[in-house]
Amino acid sequence: MEFNHNVAVWFSKSFGLFYLMALSLAVVVYAYWPANKARFEDAAGSILSDEDKPWR
């Protein structure tokens, strides 16, 4: 098999597709991992914490 421009484009498109699919799957698994639930709930509620008040 000869390594020319078409082969390089095919390889880069295929590698990029699988790389982005794996990265997306990893992000989704991380976001829905049960051990991270408390951390995400903490972050969601931290903007509304009681100690964050206007300066007087």
N, C-alpha and C. Protein backbone atom coordinates (compact mmCIF):
# COMPACT_ATOMS: atom_id res chain seq x y z
N MET A 1 0.84 -1.18 0.00
CA MET A 1 0.00 0.00 0.00
C MET A 1 0.89 1.24 0.00
N GLU A 2 0.56 2.11 -0.88
CA GLU A 2 1.32 3.33 -1.05
C GLU A 2 0.77 4.41 -0.11
N PHE A 3 1.66 5.13 0.56
CA PHE A 3 1.25 6.19 1.49
C PHE A 3 1.23 7.51 0.74
N ASN A 4 0.03 7.92 0.33
CA ASN A 4 -0.10 9.18 -0.38
C ASN A 4 -1.07 10.08 0.37
N HIS A 5 -1.46 11.17 -0.26
CA HIS A 5 -2.31 12.16 0.40
C HIS A 5 -3.67 11.57 0.78
N ASN A 6 -4.26 10.78 -0.08
CA ASN A 6 -5.58 10.20 0.21
C ASN A 6 -5.53 9.26 1.40
N VAL A 7 -4.47 8.50 1.54
CA VAL A 7 -4.33 7.60 2.68
C VAL A 7 -4.13 8.41 3.96
N ALA A 8 -3.36 9.46 3.88
CA ALA A 8 -3.13 10.31 5.05
C ALA A 8 -4.43 10.99 5.49
N VAL A 9 -5.23 11.46 4.54
CA VAL A 9 -6.51 12.09 4.88
C VAL A 9 -7.45 11.07 5.47
N TRP A 10 -7.54 9.89 4.89
CA TRP A 10 -8.40 8.83 5.42
C TRP A 10 -8.00 8.46 6.85
N PHE A 11 -6.69 8.30 7.09
CA PHE A 11 -6.22 7.93 8.42
C PHE A 11 -6.52 9.03 9.43
N SER A 12 -6.28 10.29 9.07
CA SER A 12 -6.50 11.38 10.02
C SER A 12 -7.98 11.55 10.33
N LYS A 13 -8.85 11.39 9.33
CA LYS A 13 -10.28 11.48 9.57
C LYS A 13 -10.76 10.33 10.45
N SER A 14 -10.29 9.12 10.19
CA SER A 14 -10.70 7.96 10.99
C SER A 14 -10.18 8.08 12.41
N PHE A 15 -8.92 8.43 12.56
CA PHE A 15 -8.34 8.57 13.89
C PHE A 15 -9.04 9.68 14.66
N GLY A 16 -9.31 10.79 14.01
CA GLY A 16 -10.00 11.90 14.66
C GLY A 16 -11.40 11.52 15.09
N LEU A 17 -12.11 10.77 14.26
CA LEU A 17 -13.46 10.33 14.60
C LEU A 17 -13.44 9.46 15.85
N PHE A 18 -12.58 8.45 15.86
CA PHE A 18 -12.53 7.55 17.01
C PHE A 18 -12.01 8.25 18.26
N TYR A 19 -11.08 9.17 18.09
CA TYR A 19 -10.55 9.94 19.21
C TYR A 19 -11.65 10.79 19.85
N LEU A 20 -12.43 11.50 19.03
CA LEU A 20 -13.49 12.35 19.56
C LEU A 20 -14.63 11.53 20.16
N MET A 21 -14.91 10.36 19.58
CA MET A 21 -15.94 9.49 20.15
C MET A 21 -15.50 8.99 21.52
N ALA A 22 -14.25 8.58 21.65
CA ALA A 22 -13.74 8.09 22.93
C ALA A 22 -13.69 9.22 23.96
N LEU A 23 -13.29 10.39 23.54
CA LEU A 23 -13.24 11.54 24.45
C LEU A 23 -14.64 11.91 24.93
N SER A 24 -15.61 11.92 24.03
CA SER A 24 -16.99 12.23 24.41
C SER A 24 -17.54 11.19 25.37
N LEU A 25 -17.27 9.94 25.12
CA LEU A 25 -17.72 8.87 26.01
C LEU A 25 -17.08 9.02 27.39
N ALA A 26 -15.80 9.37 27.43
CA ALA A 26 -15.12 9.55 28.71
C ALA A 26 -15.72 10.72 29.50
N VAL A 27 -16.07 11.79 28.83
CA VAL A 27 -16.68 12.95 29.50
C VAL A 27 -18.05 12.58 30.05
N VAL A 28 -18.84 11.86 29.28
CA VAL A 28 -20.17 11.47 29.74
C VAL A 28 -20.07 10.51 30.93
N VAL A 29 -19.16 9.56 30.87
CA VAL A 29 -18.97 8.62 31.98
C VAL A 29 -18.53 9.38 33.22
N TYR A 30 -17.62 10.33 33.08
CA TYR A 30 -17.17 11.12 34.22
C TYR A 30 -18.31 11.93 34.82
N ALA A 31 -19.14 12.52 33.96
CA ALA A 31 -20.23 13.36 34.44
C ALA A 31 -21.29 12.56 35.17
N TYR A 32 -21.53 11.34 34.75
CA TYR A 32 -22.58 10.53 35.36
C TYR A 32 -22.05 9.52 36.38
N TRP A 33 -20.77 9.55 36.69
CA TRP A 33 -20.20 8.63 37.68
C TRP A 33 -20.79 8.96 39.05
N PRO A 34 -21.31 7.97 39.77
CA PRO A 34 -21.99 8.24 41.04
C PRO A 34 -21.11 8.94 42.09
N ALA A 35 -19.83 8.68 42.09
CA ALA A 35 -18.96 9.29 43.09
C ALA A 35 -18.80 10.79 42.88
N ASN A 36 -19.11 11.30 41.70
CA ASN A 36 -18.96 12.73 41.41
C ASN A 36 -20.23 13.52 41.70
N LYS A 37 -21.30 12.84 42.07
CA LYS A 37 -22.59 13.52 42.27
C LYS A 37 -22.49 14.60 43.34
N ALA A 38 -21.89 14.29 44.48
CA ALA A 38 -21.79 15.26 45.57
C ALA A 38 -20.97 16.47 45.14
N ARG A 39 -19.90 16.25 44.42
CA ARG A 39 -19.04 17.36 43.97
C ARG A 39 -19.81 18.28 43.02
N PHE A 40 -20.58 17.70 42.09
CA PHE A 40 -21.34 18.51 41.15
C PHE A 40 -22.49 19.24 41.84
N GLU A 41 -23.14 18.61 42.80
CA GLU A 41 -24.21 19.27 43.53
C GLU A 41 -23.65 20.41 44.38
N ASP A 42 -22.47 20.20 44.95
CA ASP A 42 -21.78 21.25 45.70
C ASP A 42 -21.48 22.45 44.80
N ALA A 43 -20.98 22.17 43.61
CA ALA A 43 -20.64 23.24 42.68
C ALA A 43 -21.89 23.97 42.21
N ALA A 44 -22.98 23.25 42.01
CA ALA A 44 -24.22 23.88 41.56
C ALA A 44 -24.81 24.78 42.63
N GLY A 45 -24.66 24.41 43.89
CA GLY A 45 -25.22 25.21 44.97
C GLY A 45 -24.27 26.23 45.53
N SER A 46 -23.02 26.21 45.15
CA SER A 46 -22.04 27.11 45.75
C SER A 46 -22.28 28.57 45.36
N ILE A 47 -22.89 28.80 44.23
CA ILE A 47 -23.15 30.18 43.83
C ILE A 47 -24.26 30.79 44.68
N LEU A 48 -25.04 29.95 45.33
CA LEU A 48 -26.13 30.42 46.17
C LEU A 48 -25.84 30.24 47.66
N SER A 49 -24.57 30.10 48.02
CA SER A 49 -24.23 29.84 49.42
C SER A 49 -24.59 31.04 50.30
N ASP A 50 -24.77 30.79 51.58
CA ASP A 50 -25.17 31.81 52.53
C ASP A 50 -24.06 32.83 52.81
N GLU A 51 -22.83 32.44 52.69
CA GLU A 51 -21.73 33.34 53.03
C GLU A 51 -21.41 34.33 51.91
N ASP A 52 -22.03 34.17 50.77
CA ASP A 52 -21.79 35.09 49.66
C ASP A 52 -22.86 36.17 49.68
N LYS A 53 -22.54 37.31 50.30
CA LYS A 53 -23.48 38.40 50.44
C LYS A 53 -22.88 39.70 49.91
N PRO A 54 -23.70 40.65 49.57
CA PRO A 54 -23.17 41.94 49.11
C PRO A 54 -22.37 42.63 50.24
N TRP A 55 -21.41 43.42 49.83
CA TRP A 55 -20.58 44.14 50.78
C TRP A 55 -21.35 45.32 51.35
N ARG A 56 -21.23 45.57 52.62
CA ARG A 56 -21.90 46.71 53.24
C ARG A 56 -20.89 47.68 53.78
